[in-house]
Amino acid sequence: MSAFDNFGKCETVSGDRMECSICWRVYAPAAGDPVSQFPPSTPFADLPEEWSCPNCDALRTKFMRLGGDG
C-alpha cells in the first residue's frame, strides 16, 4: 500500500490520524488541535471546512489518512 493511496480522501473513522501532505504534520484526534482550540477527542471529520494545518496553513483537502492511533 502506498502512502498516497488515501491522498485527498477525507473519509475518516473517528480515531483516524491524518497527515498533511505539505509539511507532514500529523493530526491525531486523541490530541485535538490546541493551536485552533479543538479539544482532544475531536475527529478530523468534525473540524470545520475552513480549518487548515496549524503548521503550514494547508487546506483540509491536503491531508492524507494514516489510520488509527497505532
Foldseek 3Di string as FASTA:
>chain_A
DDQCPQQQPPDDDQQWWKAAQPPRDIDGQQCADVVVPGHRSGGPVNDDQCDADPVPRHGPSRIGTPGHPD
